[in-house]
Protein backbone atom coordinates (compact mmCIF):
# COMPACT_ATOMS: atom_id res chain seq x y z
CA MET A 1 41.97 -30.31 20.81
CA GLY A 2 39.35 -30.34 23.56
CA ARG A 3 35.66 -30.37 23.03
CA LEU A 4 33.75 -27.15 23.84
CA SER A 5 30.74 -27.41 26.03
CA GLY A 6 27.86 -24.94 25.91
CA ALA A 7 28.08 -24.17 29.60
CA GLY A 8 28.67 -20.52 30.29
CA LEU A 9 28.29 -19.40 26.69
CA PRO A 10 25.17 -17.42 25.79
CA HIS A 11 23.22 -18.47 22.73
CA ARG A 12 24.61 -16.57 19.81
CA LEU A 13 21.26 -15.17 18.71
CA GLY A 14 19.87 -14.56 22.16
CA ARG A 15 16.44 -15.78 23.04
CA GLN A 16 14.54 -16.82 19.95
CA ARG A 17 11.17 -15.25 19.32
CA ALA A 18 8.24 -16.87 17.62
CA ARG A 19 8.25 -16.10 13.90
CA LEU A 20 4.52 -16.16 13.49
CA GLN A 21 2.18 -13.99 15.46
CA ALA A 22 -1.50 -14.55 16.03
CA SER A 23 -3.63 -12.84 13.42
CA GLY A 24 -5.56 -9.79 14.45
CA GLY A 25 -2.51 -7.96 15.77
CA SER A 26 -1.96 -4.28 15.11
CA ASP A 27 -0.32 -5.06 11.75
CA GLY A 28 -2.82 -7.75 10.77
CA TRP A 29 -4.70 -5.60 8.26
CA ALA A 30 -1.51 -4.28 6.68
CA ARG A 31 -0.21 -7.81 6.17
CA ARG A 32 -3.55 -8.98 4.77
CA SER A 33 -3.76 -6.12 2.26
CA LYS A 34 -0.17 -6.73 1.08
CA ASP A 35 -1.20 -10.33 0.43
CA TRP A 36 -4.21 -9.11 -1.57
CA LEU A 37 -1.92 -6.97 -3.75
CA ASN A 38 -0.10 -10.11 -4.86
CA THR A 39 -3.15 -11.81 -6.32
CA ALA A 40 -4.34 -12.22 -9.90
CA ARG A 41 -7.66 -10.76 -8.77
CA TRP A 42 -5.95 -7.48 -7.76
CA GLN A 43 -3.92 -7.32 -11.00
CA GLN A 44 -7.13 -7.73 -13.03
CA LEU A 45 -8.97 -5.09 -11.00
CA ARG A 46 -5.99 -2.72 -11.23
CA LEU A 47 -5.91 -3.04 -15.02
CA LYS A 48 -9.68 -2.54 -15.20
CA VAL A 49 -9.39 0.73 -13.22
CA LEU A 50 -6.46 1.99 -15.32
CA LEU A 51 -8.39 1.28 -18.53
CA ARG A 52 -11.55 2.89 -17.10
CA ASP A 53 -9.57 6.03 -16.25
CA ARG A 54 -7.73 5.85 -19.61
CA TYR A 55 -4.33 5.96 -17.90
CA VAL A 56 -4.91 9.56 -16.79
CA CYS A 57 -4.24 10.72 -13.24
CA GLN A 58 -7.63 11.52 -11.73
CA GLN A 59 -6.11 14.24 -9.52
CA THR A 60 -3.69 16.06 -11.81
CA GLY A 61 -4.65 15.07 -15.37
CA VAL A 62 -1.14 13.76 -16.10
CA LEU A 63 -0.89 10.93 -18.63
CA LEU A 64 0.31 7.82 -16.79
CA ILE A 65 3.00 6.53 -19.14
CA GLY A 66 5.99 6.07 -16.82
CA LYS A 67 7.67 2.78 -16.03
CA ASN A 68 8.45 1.40 -12.56
CA HIS A 69 9.23 4.28 -10.19
CA ALA A 70 8.91 7.23 -12.59
CA PRO A 71 6.85 10.17 -11.30
CA ASP A 72 4.27 9.62 -14.06
CA SER A 73 3.96 5.86 -13.52
CA PRO A 74 0.43 4.61 -12.72
CA VAL A 75 -0.72 3.85 -9.18
CA VAL A 76 -4.19 2.55 -8.38
CA ASP A 77 -5.17 4.31 -5.18
CA HIS A 78 -7.94 3.72 -2.65
CA LYS A 79 -9.89 6.97 -2.30
CA VAL A 80 -11.00 6.01 1.20
CA PRO A 81 -8.31 4.04 3.08
CA HIS A 82 -9.48 0.45 3.45
CA ARG A 83 -7.61 -0.34 6.71
CA GLY A 84 -7.99 -4.05 5.96
CA ASP A 85 -11.70 -3.94 5.16
CA PRO A 86 -12.10 -6.32 2.21
CA ASP A 87 -15.28 -4.59 1.00
CA LEU A 88 -13.45 -1.26 0.69
CA PHE A 89 -10.31 -2.87 -0.69
CA TRP A 90 -12.09 -4.61 -3.58
CA ASP A 91 -14.66 -1.84 -4.27
CA GLU A 92 -13.97 -0.60 -7.80
CA GLY A 93 -15.79 2.64 -7.00
CA ASN A 94 -13.25 3.30 -4.24
CA LEU A 95 -10.32 3.08 -6.67
CA GLN A 96 -8.74 5.74 -8.84
CA SER A 97 -5.75 5.99 -11.16
CA VAL A 98 -3.16 8.49 -9.96
CA SER A 99 0.46 9.31 -10.70
CA LYS A 100 3.15 7.96 -8.42
CA ALA A 101 4.30 11.55 -7.78
CA TRP A 102 0.83 12.63 -6.54
CA HIS A 103 0.30 9.44 -4.55
CA ASP A 104 3.68 9.60 -2.82
CA SER A 105 3.43 13.28 -1.91
CA VAL A 106 -0.06 14.77 -1.55
CA LYS A 107 -2.00 11.59 -0.77
CA GLN A 108 0.53 10.19 1.69
CA SER A 109 0.81 13.47 3.62
CA VAL A 110 -2.98 13.70 3.91
CA GLU A 111 -3.27 10.10 5.15
CA LYS A 112 -0.45 10.57 7.67
CA ARG A 113 -2.50 13.37 9.22
CA GLY A 114 -5.41 10.94 9.48
CA GLU A 115 -7.49 12.76 6.88
CA VAL A 116 -9.24 11.50 3.76
CA TRP A 117 -8.43 13.29 0.48
CA ARG A 118 -11.27 14.85 -1.49
CA LYS A 119 -10.73 16.48 -4.87
CA SER A 120 -12.54 19.56 -3.57
CA ASP A 121 -9.65 19.99 -1.09
CA ALA A 122 -7.40 21.06 -3.98
CA LYS A 123 -9.74 23.91 -4.92
CA SER A 124 -9.93 25.24 -1.38
CA ARG A 125 -6.11 25.22 -1.07
CA GLY A 126 -5.34 26.72 -4.47
């Protein structure tokens, strides 16, 4: 059997791109905050906020007793989006306990419109 030469055959994966990008790109803050979520410091702060709020959703009053992805599972939410700002990310006063259902519906739709949620917004809509 003859030996194959690479001449005329394109690289199977095409041109390879660099795996690492310079920091400060458009996704730099998102990547940084995901890294912060995987720290012991965040887990301790998260527990502190849940205990402070007594495992009650600060927006709906629902008891946060669900496991994993249940609608009543606890989520620690940033009241004002931090956008990679470490001072806002770690500010305990900027954190609240909310249900996964509220966070994934109301809060996400407000943030996608570029707004910041305020509890008074619920009164003006209801």
